Each structure stands twice: as structure tokens, then as C-alpha cells.
Protein backbone atom coordinates (compact mmCIF):
# COMPACT_ATOMS: atom_id res chain seq x y z
CA UNK A 1 -4.54 12.75 6.49
CA UNK A 2 -7.14 11.41 8.90
CA UNK A 3 -5.36 13.04 11.83
CA UNK A 4 -5.35 16.38 10.02
CA UNK A 5 -9.03 16.04 9.17
CA UNK A 6 -9.81 15.26 12.81
CA UNK A 7 -7.97 18.42 13.84
CA UNK A 8 -10.14 20.45 11.49
CA UNK A 9 -13.46 18.76 12.33
CA UNK A 10 -13.20 18.12 16.06
CA UNK A 11 -10.92 20.94 17.23
CA UNK A 12 -12.30 23.57 14.82
CA UNK A 13 -8.83 24.48 13.58
CA UNK A 14 -8.26 26.28 10.32
CA UNK A 15 -7.64 24.09 7.27
CA UNK A 16 -4.66 26.12 6.07
CA UNK A 17 -2.95 26.04 9.48
CA UNK A 18 -3.35 22.27 9.84
CA UNK A 19 -2.26 21.68 6.24
CA UNK A 20 0.87 23.79 6.74
CA UNK A 21 1.65 21.97 9.99
CA UNK A 22 1.27 18.55 8.33
CA UNK A 23 3.00 19.53 5.10
CA UNK A 24 0.06 18.75 2.81
CA UNK A 25 -1.86 20.84 0.30
CA UNK A 26 -4.72 22.80 1.86
CA UNK A 27 -7.00 22.05 -1.11
CA UNK A 28 -6.45 18.31 -0.73
CA UNK A 29 -7.20 18.55 2.98
CA UNK A 30 -10.33 20.61 2.25
CA UNK A 31 -11.62 17.95 -0.17
CA UNK A 32 -10.88 15.16 2.31
CA UNK A 33 -12.66 17.00 5.15
CA UNK A 34 -15.62 17.72 2.89
CA UNK A 35 -15.90 14.01 1.96
CA UNK A 36 -15.73 13.01 5.61
CA UNK A 37 -18.47 15.46 6.55
CA UNK A 38 -20.73 14.27 3.72
CA UNK A 39 -20.26 10.48 3.84
CA UNK A 40 -18.44 9.71 7.11
CA UNK A 41 -15.92 7.66 5.13
CA UNK A 42 -13.24 8.80 2.76
CA UNK A 43 -10.14 7.33 1.23
CA UNK A 44 -7.03 9.04 0.06
CA UNK A 45 -4.32 7.92 -2.26
CA UNK A 46 -4.13 6.41 -5.70
CA UNK A 47 -7.08 4.38 -6.91
CA UNK A 48 -6.12 2.22 -9.90
CA UNK A 49 -8.23 2.10 -13.04
CA UNK A 50 -10.70 -0.68 -13.52
CA UNK A 51 -8.80 -3.76 -14.55
CA UNK A 52 -10.25 -6.07 -17.20
CA UNK A 53 -7.90 -9.05 -16.96
CA UNK A 54 -6.49 -10.61 -13.84
CA UNK A 55 -2.71 -10.75 -13.42
CA UNK A 56 -2.71 -14.42 -14.44
CA UNK A 57 -4.73 -13.72 -17.59
CA UNK A 58 -2.38 -10.87 -18.54
CA UNK A 59 0.62 -13.18 -18.13
CA UNK A 60 -1.03 -15.83 -20.36
CA UNK A 61 -1.80 -13.27 -23.08
CA UNK A 62 1.72 -11.84 -22.93
CA UNK A 63 3.21 -15.33 -23.24
CA UNK A 64 0.99 -16.04 -26.25
CA UNK A 65 2.00 -12.80 -28.00
CA UNK A 66 5.69 -13.55 -27.37
CA UNK A 67 5.31 -17.10 -28.67
CA UNK A 68 3.45 -15.93 -31.76
CA UNK A 69 6.16 -13.36 -32.40
CA UNK A 70 8.94 -15.92 -32.02
CA UNK A 71 7.41 -18.20 -34.70
CA UNK A 72 6.90 -15.23 -37.03
CA UNK A 73 3.11 -15.20 -36.74
CA UNK A 74 2.62 -11.55 -37.40
CA UNK A 75 0.25 -9.67 -35.06
CA UNK A 76 -0.24 -5.95 -35.47
CA UNK A 77 -0.53 -3.78 -32.38
CA UNK A 78 -4.23 -3.26 -33.18
CA UNK A 79 -4.80 -7.03 -33.29
CA UNK A 80 -3.04 -7.48 -29.97
CA UNK A 81 -5.20 -4.79 -28.39
């Protein structure tokens, strides 16, 4: 993605031509180039949602729910949430 953006910015190539050559969507490349021009730094890819619990805390909670279920301590889905 960065190579394609460099082709557009530095070599003044057309976005659609570079996108077709690289096999990426021209709209995605346009957005990435626009971000680079505005902020000089851009990321691409999946950005996960904000996580509330750490992986260790999630494991502890899951173990507790399983233990409570095994001893027939009834927890509704709303209570677990």
C-alpha cells in the first residue's frame, strides 16, 4: 500500500492505474494517499475495537462462569454481560 501511495505522490501517477497494477481498490488507495498527504502518517489494515479486559482477565472471567455453571449456580446471559 505504501509503495502504491509513493507511486501516486512522488511519480504523479494516476490512482486508478496504480491501483489496477497493484490489485487493490482505487477508493482505498485514494483514502490512503489522502491520509498521507494530510498527516504524513497513515496505517492500513484492521484496527481492533477498544478492549476492556486483558486476555488474562477474560480467561479468569470465563473460568468463573464455567465453574459457576458446573455447580448449577444459575447466571443469565444478562448477568454474565
